[in-house]
């Protein structure tokens, strides 16, 4: 049937593939909101390389191809901020997004013991919202990024530990 998808830590050599995947995946979000200047579409390779050095970045690979990615970083208050979760369009709907989300939560829990997890997604991004709710996240507020209303979602780390 083919190769299985593996999830591992990203490194500098993955930067270009991550950026290309991010650009591909966030096109549909940009179209949904009529804003092609959203942050994932304007991030530079240098910015991504800096993020790779300062954050926990995971990739999902199918052979040598990066087909999914997610990032996380724990702030000074103990909040794990998760972002840029994306899966190649041809692999969406098969649980890889959920696997990536669980993997970043596990990695951050093991390395930083956060008090809570936090992420944001567009208010019209129904698929994303369903995934995050299934994963135990609940809406905690809204944010505004240019023309896009973002929904902030969170869950306590103690809740995560009981569901993991």
N, C-alpha and C. Protein backbone atom coordinates (compact mmCIF):
# COMPACT_ATOMS: atom_id res chain seq x y z
N UNK A 1 0.83 -1.20 0.00
CA UNK A 1 0.00 0.00 0.00
C UNK A 1 0.86 1.25 0.00
N UNK A 2 2.15 1.18 0.29
CA UNK A 2 2.98 2.35 0.28
C UNK A 2 3.62 2.58 1.62
N UNK A 3 4.25 3.74 1.73
CA UNK A 3 4.97 4.08 2.95
C UNK A 3 4.05 4.65 4.02
N UNK A 4 4.49 4.51 5.25
CA UNK A 4 3.73 5.13 6.33
C UNK A 4 4.32 6.50 6.64
N UNK A 5 3.49 7.34 7.22
CA UNK A 5 3.91 8.69 7.58
C UNK A 5 4.57 8.63 8.96
N UNK A 6 5.74 9.24 9.07
CA UNK A 6 6.44 9.33 10.35
C UNK A 6 6.50 10.78 10.80
N UNK A 7 6.49 10.97 12.11
CA UNK A 7 6.57 12.32 12.68
C UNK A 7 7.86 12.41 13.47
N UNK A 8 8.62 13.49 13.23
CA UNK A 8 9.89 13.69 13.91
C UNK A 8 10.19 15.18 14.02
N UNK A 9 11.24 15.49 14.76
CA UNK A 9 11.67 16.88 14.89
C UNK A 9 12.20 17.37 13.55
N UNK A 10 11.89 18.60 13.25
CA UNK A 10 12.40 19.23 12.03
C UNK A 10 13.79 19.78 12.31
N UNK A 11 14.55 19.96 11.25
CA UNK A 11 15.82 20.67 11.39
C UNK A 11 15.98 21.65 10.23
N UNK A 12 17.08 22.35 10.22
CA UNK A 12 17.31 23.41 9.24
C UNK A 12 17.16 22.91 7.81
N UNK A 13 17.52 21.66 7.57
CA UNK A 13 17.43 21.10 6.21
C UNK A 13 15.99 21.00 5.73
N UNK A 14 15.03 21.03 6.65
CA UNK A 14 13.61 20.93 6.29
C UNK A 14 12.97 22.28 5.97
N UNK A 15 13.70 23.35 6.20
CA UNK A 15 13.10 24.69 6.13
C UNK A 15 12.40 24.97 4.80
N UNK A 16 13.06 24.69 3.69
CA UNK A 16 12.44 25.01 2.41
C UNK A 16 11.19 24.19 2.16
N UNK A 17 11.21 22.89 2.49
CA UNK A 17 10.02 22.06 2.30
C UNK A 17 8.88 22.52 3.20
N UNK A 18 9.21 22.90 4.44
CA UNK A 18 8.18 23.39 5.37
C UNK A 18 7.53 24.65 4.81
N UNK A 19 8.36 25.57 4.34
CA UNK A 19 7.83 26.83 3.83
C UNK A 19 6.94 26.60 2.60
N UNK A 20 7.36 25.71 1.70
CA UNK A 20 6.55 25.40 0.52
C UNK A 20 5.22 24.75 0.91
N UNK A 21 5.28 23.82 1.86
CA UNK A 21 4.06 23.17 2.33
C UNK A 21 3.12 24.18 2.99
N UNK A 22 3.68 25.02 3.83
CA UNK A 22 2.89 26.05 4.51
C UNK A 22 2.21 26.94 3.48
N UNK A 23 2.95 27.34 2.45
CA UNK A 23 2.38 28.20 1.42
C UNK A 23 1.23 27.49 0.71
N UNK A 24 1.42 26.22 0.37
CA UNK A 24 0.38 25.44 -0.29
C UNK A 24 -0.85 25.30 0.60
N UNK A 25 -0.65 24.93 1.84
CA UNK A 25 -1.77 24.64 2.74
C UNK A 25 -2.57 25.87 3.13
N UNK A 26 -1.92 27.00 3.29
CA UNK A 26 -2.63 28.18 3.75
C UNK A 26 -3.28 28.98 2.62
N UNK A 27 -3.15 28.53 1.38
CA UNK A 27 -3.85 29.18 0.27
C UNK A 27 -5.36 29.11 0.48
N UNK A 28 -5.85 27.96 0.92
CA UNK A 28 -7.30 27.82 1.11
C UNK A 28 -7.79 28.72 2.24
N UNK A 29 -6.98 28.90 3.27
CA UNK A 29 -7.35 29.82 4.35
C UNK A 29 -7.41 31.25 3.81
N UNK A 30 -6.41 31.63 3.04
CA UNK A 30 -6.38 32.97 2.47
C UNK A 30 -7.59 33.22 1.59
N UNK A 31 -7.95 32.22 0.78
CA UNK A 31 -9.12 32.34 -0.08
C UNK A 31 -10.40 32.49 0.73
N UNK A 32 -10.50 31.72 1.80
CA UNK A 32 -11.67 31.75 2.67
C UNK A 32 -11.91 33.15 3.24
N UNK A 33 -10.82 33.87 3.51
CA UNK A 33 -10.92 35.19 4.14
C UNK A 33 -10.67 36.34 3.17
N UNK A 34 -10.31 36.01 1.93
CA UNK A 34 -10.02 37.06 0.97
C UNK A 34 -8.81 37.90 1.36
N UNK A 35 -7.83 37.27 2.00
CA UNK A 35 -6.64 37.98 2.46
C UNK A 35 -5.41 37.10 2.21
N UNK A 36 -4.67 37.43 1.18
CA UNK A 36 -3.48 36.64 0.83
C UNK A 36 -2.21 37.18 1.48
N UNK A 37 -2.38 38.04 2.46
CA UNK A 37 -1.22 38.57 3.21
C UNK A 37 -1.21 38.01 4.63
N UNK A 38 -1.92 36.91 4.87
CA UNK A 38 -1.89 36.31 6.20
C UNK A 38 -0.46 35.84 6.49
N UNK A 39 -0.13 35.82 7.75
CA UNK A 39 1.24 35.57 8.18
C UNK A 39 1.88 34.31 7.58
N UNK A 40 1.19 33.18 7.53
CA UNK A 40 1.84 31.99 6.96
C UNK A 40 2.24 32.14 5.49
N UNK A 41 1.59 33.06 4.78
CA UNK A 41 1.90 33.25 3.36
C UNK A 41 2.97 34.30 3.12
N UNK A 42 3.31 35.07 4.12
CA UNK A 42 4.33 36.10 3.93
C UNK A 42 5.60 35.83 4.74
N UNK A 43 5.62 34.74 5.49
CA UNK A 43 6.81 34.41 6.26
C UNK A 43 7.97 34.13 5.32
N UNK A 44 9.14 34.64 5.67
CA UNK A 44 10.33 34.43 4.85
C UNK A 44 11.07 33.18 5.31
N UNK A 45 11.94 32.70 4.46
CA UNK A 45 12.76 31.54 4.80
C UNK A 45 13.65 31.86 5.99
N UNK A 46 14.20 33.07 6.05
CA UNK A 46 15.03 33.45 7.19
C UNK A 46 14.23 33.46 8.49
N UNK A 47 12.99 33.96 8.43
CA UNK A 47 12.12 33.95 9.62
C UNK A 47 11.83 32.52 10.07
N UNK A 48 11.58 31.65 9.11
CA UNK A 48 11.32 30.25 9.44
C UNK A 48 12.56 29.60 10.05
N UNK A 49 13.71 29.88 9.50
CA UNK A 49 14.95 29.31 10.07
C UNK A 49 15.15 29.77 11.51
N UNK A 50 14.84 31.03 11.79
CA UNK A 50 14.94 31.53 13.17
C UNK A 50 13.95 30.81 14.06
N UNK A 51 12.76 30.56 13.55
CA UNK A 51 11.74 29.85 14.32
C UNK A 51 12.18 28.40 14.59
N UNK A 52 12.81 27.77 13.62
CA UNK A 52 13.32 26.41 13.81
C UNK A 52 14.33 26.36 14.95
N UNK A 53 15.13 27.41 15.08
CA UNK A 53 16.16 27.45 16.13
C UNK A 53 15.57 27.75 17.50
N UNK A 54 14.44 28.45 17.54
CA UNK A 54 13.89 28.93 18.83
C UNK A 54 12.66 28.17 19.30
N UNK A 55 12.09 27.30 18.49
CA UNK A 55 10.83 26.63 18.82
C UNK A 55 10.97 25.13 18.60
N UNK A 56 9.96 24.43 19.03
CA UNK A 56 9.84 23.00 18.73
C UNK A 56 9.03 22.91 17.43
N UNK A 57 9.64 22.37 16.39
CA UNK A 57 8.98 22.23 15.11
C UNK A 57 9.02 20.75 14.73
N UNK A 58 7.86 20.20 14.45
CA UNK A 58 7.76 18.81 14.03
C UNK A 58 7.33 18.74 12.58
N UNK A 59 7.75 17.67 11.91
CA UNK A 59 7.32 17.43 10.54
C UNK A 59 6.79 16.01 10.43
N UNK A 60 5.84 15.84 9.55
CA UNK A 60 5.36 14.51 9.16
C UNK A 60 5.97 14.24 7.79
N UNK A 61 6.57 13.07 7.65
CA UNK A 61 7.22 12.71 6.39
C UNK A 61 6.57 11.48 5.78
N UNK A 62 6.46 11.52 4.49
CA UNK A 62 6.08 10.37 3.68
C UNK A 62 7.31 10.11 2.83
N UNK A 63 8.12 9.15 3.24
CA UNK A 63 9.43 8.99 2.61
C UNK A 63 10.28 10.19 2.97
N UNK A 64 10.79 10.88 1.97
CA UNK A 64 11.60 12.08 2.19
C UNK A 64 10.78 13.37 2.12
N UNK A 65 9.52 13.26 1.70
CA UNK A 65 8.67 14.45 1.52
C UNK A 65 8.04 14.89 2.83
N UNK A 66 8.14 16.17 3.13
CA UNK A 66 7.46 16.75 4.28
C UNK A 66 6.01 16.98 3.87
N UNK A 67 5.08 16.28 4.55
CA UNK A 67 3.66 16.35 4.20
C UNK A 67 2.81 16.96 5.32
N UNK A 68 3.45 17.34 6.41
CA UNK A 68 2.74 17.98 7.51
C UNK A 68 3.73 18.63 8.44
N UNK A 69 3.27 19.62 9.18
CA UNK A 69 4.15 20.31 10.13
C UNK A 69 3.32 21.01 11.19
N UNK A 70 3.96 21.27 12.32
CA UNK A 70 3.34 22.00 13.42
C UNK A 70 4.47 22.58 14.28
N UNK A 71 4.19 23.69 14.96
CA UNK A 71 5.19 24.34 15.80
C UNK A 71 4.63 24.63 17.17
N UNK A 72 5.50 24.70 18.14
CA UNK A 72 5.08 25.06 19.48
C UNK A 72 6.22 25.63 20.29
N UNK A 73 5.85 26.45 21.24
CA UNK A 73 6.83 27.08 22.11
C UNK A 73 6.13 27.41 23.42
N UNK A 74 6.80 27.17 24.54
CA UNK A 74 6.22 27.47 25.84
C UNK A 74 6.73 28.83 26.29
N UNK A 75 5.79 29.73 26.65
CA UNK A 75 6.18 31.08 27.06
C UNK A 75 6.52 31.12 28.55
N UNK A 76 6.89 32.29 29.02
CA UNK A 76 7.34 32.46 30.41
C UNK A 76 6.24 32.15 31.43
N UNK A 77 4.97 32.26 31.03
CA UNK A 77 3.85 31.97 31.93
C UNK A 77 3.48 30.48 31.93
N UNK A 78 4.18 29.68 31.14
CA UNK A 78 3.88 28.25 31.10
C UNK A 78 2.81 27.86 30.11
N UNK A 79 2.50 28.74 29.17
CA UNK A 79 1.51 28.43 28.14
C UNK A 79 2.22 27.93 26.88
N UNK A 80 1.84 26.75 26.44
CA UNK A 80 2.38 26.20 25.19
C UNK A 80 1.57 26.78 24.04
N UNK A 81 2.22 27.56 23.22
CA UNK A 81 1.56 28.20 22.08
C UNK A 81 1.85 27.37 20.83
N UNK A 82 0.79 26.82 20.27
CA UNK A 82 0.91 25.91 19.13
C UNK A 82 0.40 26.62 17.89
N UNK A 83 1.09 26.43 16.79
CA UNK A 83 0.67 27.11 15.57
C UNK A 83 1.16 26.45 14.31
N UNK A 84 0.67 26.98 13.21
CA UNK A 84 1.03 26.58 11.86
C UNK A 84 0.89 25.09 11.60
N UNK A 85 -0.14 24.50 12.19
CA UNK A 85 -0.44 23.10 11.91
C UNK A 85 -0.97 23.02 10.49
N UNK A 86 -0.31 22.24 9.66
CA UNK A 86 -0.80 22.06 8.29
C UNK A 86 -0.43 20.69 7.76
N UNK A 87 -1.31 20.18 6.92
CA UNK A 87 -1.16 18.87 6.30
C UNK A 87 -1.38 19.04 4.81
N UNK A 88 -0.53 18.40 4.01
CA UNK A 88 -0.67 18.47 2.56
C UNK A 88 -2.11 18.15 2.16
N UNK A 89 -2.69 18.92 1.25
CA UNK A 89 -4.10 18.70 0.87
C UNK A 89 -4.42 17.25 0.48
N UNK A 90 -3.52 16.56 -0.16
CA UNK A 90 -3.83 15.19 -0.59
C UNK A 90 -3.90 14.21 0.57
N UNK A 91 -3.41 14.60 1.76
CA UNK A 91 -3.44 13.72 2.93
C UNK A 91 -4.40 14.19 4.01
N UNK A 92 -5.11 15.27 3.75
CA UNK A 92 -6.06 15.77 4.74
C UNK A 92 -7.24 14.82 4.88
N UNK A 93 -7.81 14.78 6.08
CA UNK A 93 -8.97 13.94 6.33
C UNK A 93 -8.65 12.52 6.73
N UNK A 94 -7.36 12.25 7.02
CA UNK A 94 -6.95 10.89 7.39
C UNK A 94 -6.34 10.83 8.79
N UNK A 95 -6.53 11.88 9.58
CA UNK A 95 -6.06 11.85 10.96
C UNK A 95 -4.66 12.37 11.20
N UNK A 96 -3.97 12.79 10.15
CA UNK A 96 -2.60 13.25 10.32
C UNK A 96 -2.53 14.56 11.12
N UNK A 97 -3.49 15.45 10.95
CA UNK A 97 -3.52 16.68 11.73
C UNK A 97 -3.63 16.38 13.21
N UNK A 98 -4.49 15.45 13.57
CA UNK A 98 -4.64 15.04 14.97
C UNK A 98 -3.37 14.41 15.51
N UNK A 99 -2.71 13.60 14.68
CA UNK A 99 -1.44 12.99 15.10
C UNK A 99 -0.36 14.05 15.34
N UNK A 100 -0.29 15.03 14.46
CA UNK A 100 0.69 16.11 14.63
C UNK A 100 0.40 16.92 15.89
N UNK A 101 -0.87 17.22 16.12
CA UNK A 101 -1.25 17.99 17.30
C UNK A 101 -0.87 17.23 18.57
N UNK A 102 -1.20 15.94 18.62
CA UNK A 102 -0.84 15.13 19.79
C UNK A 102 0.67 15.04 19.96
N UNK A 103 1.40 14.95 18.86
CA UNK A 103 2.86 14.84 18.93
C UNK A 103 3.50 16.11 19.49
N UNK A 104 2.99 17.28 19.07
CA UNK A 104 3.58 18.53 19.59
C UNK A 104 3.21 18.70 21.06
N UNK A 105 1.98 18.33 21.43
CA UNK A 105 1.60 18.39 22.84
C UNK A 105 2.50 17.47 23.68
N UNK A 106 2.72 16.25 23.20
CA UNK A 106 3.59 15.30 23.92
C UNK A 106 5.01 15.85 24.06
N UNK A 107 5.55 16.38 22.99
CA UNK A 107 6.92 16.88 23.01
C UNK A 107 7.04 18.05 23.98
N UNK A 108 6.10 18.99 23.91
CA UNK A 108 6.16 20.15 24.80
C UNK A 108 5.95 19.74 26.25
N UNK A 109 5.07 18.77 26.49
CA UNK A 109 4.84 18.28 27.86
C UNK A 109 6.11 17.65 28.42
N UNK A 110 6.79 16.86 27.61
CA UNK A 110 7.99 16.17 28.07
C UNK A 110 9.15 17.13 28.33
N UNK A 111 9.26 18.16 27.51
CA UNK A 111 10.42 19.06 27.59
C UNK A 111 10.19 20.28 28.45
N UNK A 112 8.93 20.73 28.60
CA UNK A 112 8.69 22.01 29.26
C UNK A 112 7.59 22.00 30.31
N UNK A 113 6.83 20.93 30.44
CA UNK A 113 5.73 20.82 31.41
C UNK A 113 4.85 22.08 31.44
N UNK A 114 4.22 22.41 30.31
CA UNK A 114 3.36 23.61 30.29
C UNK A 114 2.15 23.45 31.20
N UNK A 115 1.60 24.61 31.60
CA UNK A 115 0.37 24.62 32.41
C UNK A 115 -0.87 24.52 31.54
N UNK A 116 -0.78 25.06 30.33
CA UNK A 116 -1.92 24.99 29.41
C UNK A 116 -1.42 25.07 27.98
N UNK A 117 -2.31 24.68 27.06
CA UNK A 117 -2.04 24.71 25.63
C UNK A 117 -2.97 25.76 25.00
N UNK A 118 -2.44 26.48 24.02
CA UNK A 118 -3.20 27.58 23.40
C UNK A 118 -2.91 27.57 21.90
N UNK A 119 -3.93 27.80 21.11
CA UNK A 119 -3.75 27.95 19.67
C UNK A 119 -4.85 28.84 19.13
N UNK A 120 -4.68 29.29 17.90
CA UNK A 120 -5.69 30.12 17.24
C UNK A 120 -5.94 29.58 15.84
N UNK A 121 -7.15 29.82 15.37
CA UNK A 121 -7.51 29.47 14.00
C UNK A 121 -8.57 30.45 13.53
N UNK A 122 -8.72 30.55 12.23
CA UNK A 122 -9.72 31.45 11.68
C UNK A 122 -11.12 31.04 12.07
N UNK A 123 -11.95 32.01 12.33
CA UNK A 123 -13.31 31.76 12.77
C UNK A 123 -14.17 31.03 11.75
N UNK A 124 -13.79 31.07 10.48
CA UNK A 124 -14.53 30.36 9.43
C UNK A 124 -13.93 29.00 9.11
N UNK A 125 -12.88 28.63 9.79
CA UNK A 125 -12.14 27.40 9.49
C UNK A 125 -12.76 26.22 10.23
N UNK A 126 -13.91 25.78 9.75
CA UNK A 126 -14.70 24.76 10.45
C UNK A 126 -13.95 23.46 10.68
N UNK A 127 -13.19 23.01 9.69
CA UNK A 127 -12.43 21.77 9.85
C UNK A 127 -11.41 21.88 10.98
N UNK A 128 -10.72 23.00 11.03
CA UNK A 128 -9.75 23.22 12.11
C UNK A 128 -10.44 23.26 13.46
N UNK A 129 -11.53 23.97 13.54
CA UNK A 129 -12.26 24.08 14.80
C UNK A 129 -12.74 22.71 15.28
N UNK A 130 -13.23 21.88 14.36
CA UNK A 130 -13.65 20.52 14.73
C UNK A 130 -12.49 19.71 15.29
N UNK A 131 -11.35 19.77 14.62
CA UNK A 131 -10.16 19.04 15.08
C UNK A 131 -9.78 19.48 16.49
N UNK A 132 -9.72 20.77 16.70
CA UNK A 132 -9.27 21.28 18.00
C UNK A 132 -10.27 20.94 19.11
N UNK A 133 -11.54 21.01 18.80
CA UNK A 133 -12.56 20.64 19.81
C UNK A 133 -12.46 19.15 20.14
N UNK A 134 -12.30 18.31 19.12
CA UNK A 134 -12.13 16.86 19.35
C UNK A 134 -10.89 16.59 20.21
N UNK A 135 -9.91 17.46 20.13
CA UNK A 135 -8.66 17.29 20.88
C UNK A 135 -8.72 17.93 22.26
N UNK A 136 -9.90 18.40 22.67
CA UNK A 136 -10.08 18.92 24.02
C UNK A 136 -9.95 20.42 24.17
N UNK A 137 -9.78 21.15 23.09
CA UNK A 137 -9.65 22.60 23.17
C UNK A 137 -11.03 23.25 23.21
N UNK A 138 -11.13 24.34 23.95
CA UNK A 138 -12.37 25.11 24.03
C UNK A 138 -12.07 26.57 23.70
N UNK A 139 -13.01 27.25 23.06
CA UNK A 139 -12.81 28.67 22.75
C UNK A 139 -12.62 29.50 24.02
N UNK A 140 -11.66 30.42 23.98
CA UNK A 140 -11.41 31.29 25.13
C UNK A 140 -11.43 32.77 24.74
N UNK A 141 -11.65 33.06 23.47
CA UNK A 141 -11.70 34.46 23.06
C UNK A 141 -11.48 34.59 21.57
N UNK A 142 -11.44 35.84 21.12
CA UNK A 142 -11.16 36.12 19.72
C UNK A 142 -10.02 37.11 19.62
N UNK A 143 -9.37 37.07 18.48
CA UNK A 143 -8.30 38.01 18.16
C UNK A 143 -8.55 38.49 16.74
N UNK A 144 -7.93 39.58 16.38
CA UNK A 144 -8.10 40.11 15.03
C UNK A 144 -6.74 40.21 14.38
N UNK A 145 -6.61 39.67 13.16
CA UNK A 145 -5.39 39.79 12.37
C UNK A 145 -5.79 40.31 11.00
N UNK A 146 -5.60 41.60 10.82
CA UNK A 146 -5.99 42.25 9.58
C UNK A 146 -7.49 42.06 9.34
N UNK A 147 -7.89 41.32 8.28
CA UNK A 147 -9.31 41.13 7.98
C UNK A 147 -9.88 39.87 8.62
N UNK A 148 -9.05 39.11 9.32
CA UNK A 148 -9.44 37.79 9.79
C UNK A 148 -9.74 37.82 11.29
N UNK A 149 -10.91 37.31 11.65
CA UNK A 149 -11.22 37.09 13.06
C UNK A 149 -10.73 35.70 13.42
N UNK A 150 -9.87 35.64 14.41
CA UNK A 150 -9.29 34.38 14.86
C UNK A 150 -9.97 33.95 16.15
N UNK A 151 -10.20 32.66 16.28
CA UNK A 151 -10.74 32.09 17.51
C UNK A 151 -9.56 31.53 18.30
N UNK A 152 -9.40 31.99 19.54
CA UNK A 152 -8.38 31.45 20.43
C UNK A 152 -8.99 30.29 21.19
N UNK A 153 -8.26 29.18 21.24
CA UNK A 153 -8.72 27.98 21.94
C UNK A 153 -7.63 27.54 22.91
N UNK A 154 -8.04 26.91 24.01
CA UNK A 154 -7.07 26.48 25.01
C UNK A 154 -7.57 25.24 25.72
N UNK A 155 -6.64 24.57 26.37
CA UNK A 155 -6.99 23.50 27.30
C UNK A 155 -5.89 23.43 28.35
N UNK A 156 -6.29 23.03 29.55
CA UNK A 156 -5.34 22.91 30.65
C UNK A 156 -4.45 21.69 30.43
N UNK A 157 -3.20 21.81 30.84
CA UNK A 157 -2.28 20.68 30.71
C UNK A 157 -2.74 19.50 31.54
N UNK A 158 -3.36 19.75 32.69
CA UNK A 158 -3.86 18.65 33.53
C UNK A 158 -4.93 17.87 32.77
N UNK A 159 -5.77 18.57 31.99
CA UNK A 159 -6.80 17.91 31.19
C UNK A 159 -6.13 17.08 30.10
N UNK A 160 -5.07 17.64 29.52
CA UNK A 160 -4.33 16.90 28.48
C UNK A 160 -3.75 15.61 29.05
N UNK A 161 -3.15 15.69 30.23
CA UNK A 161 -2.49 14.53 30.83
C UNK A 161 -3.48 13.39 31.05
N UNK A 162 -4.72 13.72 31.36
CA UNK A 162 -5.71 12.65 31.60
C UNK A 162 -6.24 12.08 30.29
N UNK A 163 -6.12 12.83 29.19
CA UNK A 163 -6.64 12.33 27.91
C UNK A 163 -5.55 11.68 27.08
N UNK A 164 -4.31 11.85 27.43
CA UNK A 164 -3.19 11.32 26.61
C UNK A 164 -2.97 9.84 26.82
